[in-house]
N, C-alpha and C. Protein backbone atom coordinates (compact mmCIF):
# COMPACT_ATOMS: atom_id res chain seq x y z
N MET A 1 88.37 104.25 101.17
CA MET A 1 88.37 104.77 99.84
C MET A 1 87.22 105.77 99.71
N PHE A 2 87.44 106.81 98.93
CA PHE A 2 86.49 107.91 98.76
C PHE A 2 86.19 108.06 97.28
N SER A 3 84.94 108.32 96.92
CA SER A 3 84.60 108.68 95.56
C SER A 3 83.49 109.74 95.59
N TYR A 4 83.48 110.57 94.57
CA TYR A 4 82.47 111.64 94.50
C TYR A 4 82.18 111.95 93.03
N SER A 5 80.91 112.19 92.72
CA SER A 5 80.47 112.64 91.41
C SER A 5 79.44 113.75 91.62
N GLY A 6 79.67 114.86 90.96
CA GLY A 6 78.74 115.98 91.10
C GLY A 6 79.47 117.32 90.85
N PRO A 7 78.83 118.41 91.21
CA PRO A 7 79.42 119.74 90.99
C PRO A 7 80.54 120.01 92.00
N ALA A 8 81.41 120.94 91.65
CA ALA A 8 82.51 121.33 92.54
C ALA A 8 83.02 122.70 92.12
N ARG A 9 83.95 123.23 92.89
CA ARG A 9 84.55 124.53 92.58
C ARG A 9 86.05 124.38 92.60
N LEU A 10 86.72 124.90 91.59
CA LEU A 10 88.19 124.92 91.54
C LEU A 10 88.66 126.34 91.87
N VAL A 11 89.55 126.47 92.82
CA VAL A 11 90.16 127.74 93.13
C VAL A 11 91.66 127.63 92.84
N TYR A 12 92.09 128.40 91.84
CA TYR A 12 93.49 128.36 91.44
C TYR A 12 94.38 129.15 92.41
N ALA A 13 95.67 128.92 92.34
CA ALA A 13 96.63 129.57 93.26
C ALA A 13 96.57 131.09 93.16
N ASP A 14 96.21 131.63 91.96
CA ASP A 14 96.13 133.08 91.79
C ASP A 14 94.82 133.67 92.26
N GLY A 15 93.91 132.84 92.80
CA GLY A 15 92.65 133.32 93.35
C GLY A 15 91.46 133.16 92.38
N ASN A 16 91.75 132.95 91.11
CA ASN A 16 90.64 132.74 90.15
C ASN A 16 89.91 131.45 90.48
N ALA A 17 88.60 131.44 90.29
CA ALA A 17 87.79 130.27 90.60
C ALA A 17 86.90 129.94 89.42
N VAL A 18 86.64 128.63 89.26
CA VAL A 18 85.78 128.12 88.19
C VAL A 18 84.85 127.12 88.78
N GLU A 19 83.57 127.20 88.44
CA GLU A 19 82.58 126.21 88.87
C GLU A 19 82.63 125.04 87.88
N LEU A 20 82.82 123.84 88.42
CA LEU A 20 82.77 122.63 87.59
C LEU A 20 81.33 122.13 87.58
N ASP A 21 80.81 121.91 86.37
CA ASP A 21 79.47 121.36 86.26
C ASP A 21 79.43 119.94 86.79
N ARG A 22 80.50 119.23 86.55
CA ARG A 22 80.58 117.83 86.98
C ARG A 22 82.03 117.43 87.20
N VAL A 23 82.26 116.73 88.28
CA VAL A 23 83.58 116.18 88.53
C VAL A 23 83.36 114.74 89.01
N ASP A 24 84.23 113.85 88.58
CA ASP A 24 84.23 112.45 89.04
C ASP A 24 85.60 112.21 89.65
N LEU A 25 85.61 111.95 90.96
CA LEU A 25 86.84 111.75 91.70
C LEU A 25 86.86 110.42 92.40
N ILE A 26 88.00 109.81 92.56
CA ILE A 26 88.18 108.59 93.31
C ILE A 26 89.53 108.66 94.02
N GLU A 27 89.53 108.22 95.27
CA GLU A 27 90.77 108.17 96.04
C GLU A 27 91.20 106.71 96.15
N THR A 28 92.44 106.43 95.78
CA THR A 28 92.96 105.06 95.83
C THR A 28 94.37 105.09 96.42
N VAL A 29 94.91 103.92 96.67
CA VAL A 29 96.28 103.81 97.15
C VAL A 29 97.15 103.48 95.95
N ASN A 30 98.24 104.26 95.74
CA ASN A 30 99.12 103.99 94.62
C ASN A 30 100.13 102.90 94.96
N ASP A 31 101.01 102.60 94.04
CA ASP A 31 102.00 101.51 94.21
C ASP A 31 102.94 101.77 95.36
N ALA A 32 103.13 103.01 95.75
CA ALA A 32 104.04 103.35 96.85
C ALA A 32 103.33 103.34 98.20
N GLY A 33 102.05 102.98 98.21
CA GLY A 33 101.26 102.94 99.42
C GLY A 33 100.72 104.29 99.87
N MET A 34 100.78 105.29 99.01
CA MET A 34 100.27 106.64 99.33
C MET A 34 98.87 106.81 98.77
N TRP A 35 98.02 107.56 99.49
CA TRP A 35 96.68 107.85 98.99
C TRP A 35 96.80 108.84 97.83
N GLN A 36 96.04 108.61 96.80
CA GLN A 36 96.08 109.45 95.61
C GLN A 36 94.65 109.73 95.15
N LEU A 37 94.39 110.98 94.79
CA LEU A 37 93.11 111.42 94.30
C LEU A 37 93.22 111.59 92.78
N SER A 38 92.31 111.06 92.01
CA SER A 38 92.36 111.23 90.56
C SER A 38 90.95 111.33 90.02
N GLY A 39 90.83 111.96 88.87
CA GLY A 39 89.52 112.09 88.27
C GLY A 39 89.51 113.04 87.09
N ALA A 40 88.33 113.52 86.74
CA ALA A 40 88.16 114.42 85.61
C ALA A 40 87.01 115.35 85.92
N GLY A 41 87.04 116.50 85.29
CA GLY A 41 85.98 117.49 85.49
C GLY A 41 85.65 118.19 84.20
N SER A 42 84.45 118.79 84.17
CA SER A 42 84.03 119.58 83.03
C SER A 42 83.36 120.86 83.51
N ALA A 43 83.50 121.92 82.70
CA ALA A 43 82.97 123.22 83.08
C ALA A 43 82.47 124.00 81.83
N ALA A 44 81.55 124.89 82.09
CA ALA A 44 81.05 125.72 80.99
C ALA A 44 81.95 126.94 80.80
N ASP A 45 83.01 127.03 81.59
CA ASP A 45 84.00 128.11 81.48
C ASP A 45 85.33 127.51 81.04
N GLU A 46 86.29 128.38 80.72
CA GLU A 46 87.59 127.87 80.29
C GLU A 46 88.44 127.50 81.50
N LEU A 47 88.92 126.28 81.52
CA LEU A 47 89.83 125.82 82.55
C LEU A 47 91.25 126.05 82.11
N THR A 48 92.17 126.15 83.05
CA THR A 48 93.61 126.27 82.73
C THR A 48 94.35 125.23 83.52
N GLY A 49 95.47 124.81 83.04
CA GLY A 49 96.30 123.84 83.75
C GLY A 49 97.00 124.52 84.92
N GLY A 50 97.34 123.72 85.92
CA GLY A 50 98.13 124.24 87.04
C GLY A 50 97.59 123.74 88.38
N GLU A 51 98.12 124.31 89.44
CA GLU A 51 97.74 123.90 90.81
C GLU A 51 96.44 124.59 91.19
N ALA A 52 95.57 123.88 91.88
CA ALA A 52 94.30 124.44 92.33
C ALA A 52 93.83 123.69 93.58
N ARG A 53 92.85 124.25 94.23
CA ARG A 53 92.20 123.60 95.37
C ARG A 53 90.79 123.30 94.92
N ILE A 54 90.37 122.04 95.04
CA ILE A 54 89.01 121.66 94.68
C ILE A 54 88.15 121.67 95.94
N LYS A 55 86.98 122.27 95.84
CA LYS A 55 86.08 122.37 96.97
C LYS A 55 84.76 121.71 96.60
N LEU A 56 84.37 120.73 97.36
CA LEU A 56 83.14 119.99 97.12
C LEU A 56 82.00 120.57 97.95
N PRO A 57 80.77 120.47 97.49
CA PRO A 57 79.63 120.95 98.28
C PRO A 57 79.43 120.19 99.60
N THR A 58 80.04 119.01 99.69
CA THR A 58 79.97 118.22 100.92
C THR A 58 80.89 118.77 102.01
N GLY A 59 81.74 119.77 101.67
CA GLY A 59 82.68 120.32 102.63
C GLY A 59 84.10 119.82 102.40
N GLY A 60 84.29 118.78 101.62
CA GLY A 60 85.62 118.25 101.35
C GLY A 60 86.43 119.15 100.48
N GLU A 61 87.73 119.23 100.70
CA GLU A 61 88.66 120.01 99.92
C GLU A 61 89.94 119.22 99.70
N ALA A 62 90.59 119.48 98.59
CA ALA A 62 91.89 118.84 98.32
C ALA A 62 92.68 119.67 97.32
N ASP A 63 93.99 119.63 97.48
CA ASP A 63 94.87 120.26 96.47
C ASP A 63 95.01 119.32 95.28
N VAL A 64 94.87 119.88 94.08
CA VAL A 64 94.97 119.06 92.86
C VAL A 64 95.83 119.77 91.81
N VAL A 65 96.26 119.01 90.84
CA VAL A 65 96.93 119.56 89.65
C VAL A 65 95.95 119.33 88.49
N VAL A 66 95.64 120.41 87.79
CA VAL A 66 94.76 120.38 86.65
C VAL A 66 95.60 120.21 85.39
N SER A 67 95.32 119.16 84.60
CA SER A 67 96.14 118.92 83.42
C SER A 67 95.25 118.39 82.29
N ASN A 68 95.87 118.15 81.14
CA ASN A 68 95.17 117.63 79.95
C ASN A 68 93.91 118.45 79.66
N VAL A 69 94.03 119.76 79.74
CA VAL A 69 92.86 120.66 79.52
C VAL A 69 92.50 120.65 78.04
N ARG A 70 91.20 120.46 77.80
CA ARG A 70 90.66 120.51 76.44
C ARG A 70 89.55 121.55 76.41
N VAL A 71 89.73 122.61 75.65
CA VAL A 71 88.77 123.69 75.56
C VAL A 71 88.09 123.63 74.20
N SER A 72 86.75 123.70 74.19
CA SER A 72 85.96 123.66 72.96
C SER A 72 85.12 124.93 72.89
N GLU A 73 84.96 125.45 71.66
CA GLU A 73 84.07 126.57 71.41
C GLU A 73 82.97 126.13 70.49
N GLY A 74 81.77 126.49 70.82
CA GLY A 74 80.60 126.14 70.01
C GLY A 74 79.57 127.20 70.06
N ILE A 75 78.40 126.89 69.60
CA ILE A 75 77.26 127.83 69.56
C ILE A 75 76.97 128.35 70.96
N ASN A 76 77.06 127.47 71.93
CA ASN A 76 76.72 127.84 73.32
C ASN A 76 77.88 128.44 74.10
N GLY A 77 78.98 128.72 73.44
CA GLY A 77 80.16 129.35 74.11
C GLY A 77 81.25 128.33 74.36
N VAL A 78 82.02 128.57 75.38
CA VAL A 78 83.20 127.76 75.71
C VAL A 78 82.83 126.67 76.68
N SER A 79 83.44 125.51 76.50
CA SER A 79 83.33 124.45 77.50
C SER A 79 84.71 123.81 77.62
N SER A 80 85.01 123.23 78.78
CA SER A 80 86.30 122.64 79.06
C SER A 80 86.20 121.31 79.74
N LYS A 81 87.18 120.47 79.54
CA LYS A 81 87.34 119.23 80.26
C LYS A 81 88.80 119.11 80.68
N ALA A 82 89.04 118.49 81.85
CA ALA A 82 90.40 118.39 82.32
C ALA A 82 90.54 117.15 83.22
N THR A 83 91.80 116.74 83.40
CA THR A 83 92.18 115.67 84.31
C THR A 83 92.62 116.31 85.63
N LEU A 84 92.25 115.67 86.75
CA LEU A 84 92.63 116.19 88.07
C LEU A 84 93.39 115.11 88.81
N MET A 85 94.51 115.51 89.43
CA MET A 85 95.31 114.57 90.23
C MET A 85 95.71 115.25 91.53
N GLY A 86 95.69 114.52 92.64
CA GLY A 86 96.11 115.07 93.92
C GLY A 86 96.59 113.96 94.81
N SER A 87 97.16 114.36 95.95
CA SER A 87 97.61 113.36 96.92
C SER A 87 97.34 113.85 98.32
């Protein structure tokens, strides 16, 4: 089993990239016996839903789907939170 908490980079299929201030990921085995990556991330930039590749500073990478995106605007600008799922 794998888990990670810290900064990361999301690179979307169209080449756009977003730095995640924090991501919390855990790899588990689902009911079908397949390894599954799940977690959440937050960024000071606007996130969008869709397919992306997450790159960790440790060198690890995985394909994920970004969903449940929540974008907030405040005095300090835009911030986003999202759910991440991969296999």
